[in-house]
């Protein structure tokens, strides 16, 4: 993956886009530190699709990702425990 300094990326943005389409992702640097990656939309869509969690992952996650599915139970009466003797 080729890296571009931020100033060069700004100045030669059309060339940067051509490189992305021709050779894939390009790394953008600021003061020698990687700050961004520019990649083709097809690659981004592929990565985004892979990152979507399935139902199993959602159900097994330690925290709920969808708070609307949480049931508010603090107002409900509880049954007394069953004596199993």
Protein backbone atom coordinates (compact mmCIF):
# COMPACT_ATOMS: atom_id res chain seq x y z
CA UNK A 1 0.00 0.00 0.00
CA UNK A 2 1.46 3.32 -1.04
CA UNK A 3 1.48 6.18 1.46
CA UNK A 4 0.89 9.85 0.72
CA UNK A 5 1.71 12.84 2.89
CA UNK A 6 -1.40 14.90 3.55
CA UNK A 7 -0.17 17.95 1.61
CA UNK A 8 0.70 15.84 -1.45
CA UNK A 9 -2.65 14.06 -1.25
CA UNK A 10 -4.44 17.42 -1.24
CA UNK A 11 -2.35 18.83 -4.06
CA UNK A 12 -2.60 15.71 -6.26
CA UNK A 13 -6.05 14.44 -5.31
CA UNK A 14 -6.97 13.38 -8.86
CA UNK A 15 -3.77 11.36 -9.11
CA UNK A 16 -4.48 9.85 -5.67
CA UNK A 17 -7.96 8.76 -6.83
CA UNK A 18 -6.49 7.23 -9.98
CA UNK A 19 -3.99 5.28 -7.85
CA UNK A 20 -6.82 4.04 -5.62
CA UNK A 21 -8.82 2.78 -8.60
CA UNK A 22 -5.77 1.26 -10.26
CA UNK A 23 -3.77 -0.19 -7.32
CA UNK A 24 -6.18 -0.36 -4.38
CA UNK A 25 -6.11 1.32 -0.95
CA UNK A 26 -3.79 4.28 -0.35
CA UNK A 27 -2.56 5.43 3.07
CA UNK A 28 -2.70 9.13 4.04
CA UNK A 29 -0.02 10.35 6.49
CA UNK A 30 0.20 13.51 8.60
CA UNK A 31 3.61 14.26 10.11
CA UNK A 32 4.62 10.63 9.58
CA UNK A 33 1.53 9.21 11.32
CA UNK A 34 -1.12 7.24 9.42
CA UNK A 35 -4.45 9.11 9.68
CA UNK A 36 -6.65 7.68 6.92
CA UNK A 37 -6.99 5.13 4.16
CA UNK A 38 -8.64 5.86 0.83
CA UNK A 39 -10.06 2.77 -0.88
CA UNK A 40 -12.37 1.91 -3.77
CA UNK A 41 -16.10 1.84 -2.97
CA UNK A 42 -16.38 -1.84 -3.94
CA UNK A 43 -13.74 -2.73 -1.35
CA UNK A 44 -15.46 -0.61 1.30
CA UNK A 45 -18.83 -2.27 0.59
CA UNK A 46 -17.24 -5.72 0.83
CA UNK A 47 -15.62 -4.88 4.17
CA UNK A 48 -18.82 -3.30 5.48
CA UNK A 49 -20.84 -6.39 4.58
CA UNK A 50 -18.33 -8.64 6.36
CA UNK A 51 -18.48 -6.51 9.49
CA UNK A 52 -22.25 -6.83 9.94
CA UNK A 53 -23.06 -9.08 12.87
CA UNK A 54 -25.40 -12.01 12.40
CA UNK A 55 -28.23 -12.98 14.73
CA UNK A 56 -26.07 -15.48 16.61
CA UNK A 57 -23.40 -12.84 17.31
CA UNK A 58 -26.05 -10.37 18.48
CA UNK A 59 -27.61 -12.89 20.84
CA UNK A 60 -24.27 -14.00 22.27
CA UNK A 61 -22.86 -10.48 22.67
CA UNK A 62 -22.05 -9.45 26.26
CA UNK A 63 -24.02 -6.22 25.86
CA UNK A 64 -27.23 -5.56 23.96
CA UNK A 65 -26.73 -3.80 20.67
CA UNK A 66 -30.42 -3.03 20.31
CA UNK A 67 -31.72 -1.44 23.53
CA UNK A 68 -35.30 -1.41 22.19
CA UNK A 69 -35.40 -5.21 22.57
CA UNK A 70 -34.70 -5.00 26.30
CA UNK A 71 -37.78 -5.72 28.39
CA UNK A 72 -38.47 -3.45 31.34
CA UNK A 73 -39.18 -5.90 34.18
CA UNK A 74 -38.84 -3.87 37.35
CA UNK A 75 -42.60 -3.17 37.64
CA UNK A 76 -43.68 -6.81 37.46
CA UNK A 77 -44.49 -8.96 40.46
CA UNK A 78 -42.46 -12.09 40.89
CA UNK A 79 -43.89 -15.48 41.75
CA UNK A 80 -42.74 -17.09 44.97
CA UNK A 81 -40.23 -19.92 44.52
CA UNK A 82 -41.63 -23.43 44.23
CA UNK A 83 -40.92 -25.76 47.15
CA UNK A 84 -39.43 -28.92 45.63
CA UNK A 85 -39.58 -31.13 48.78
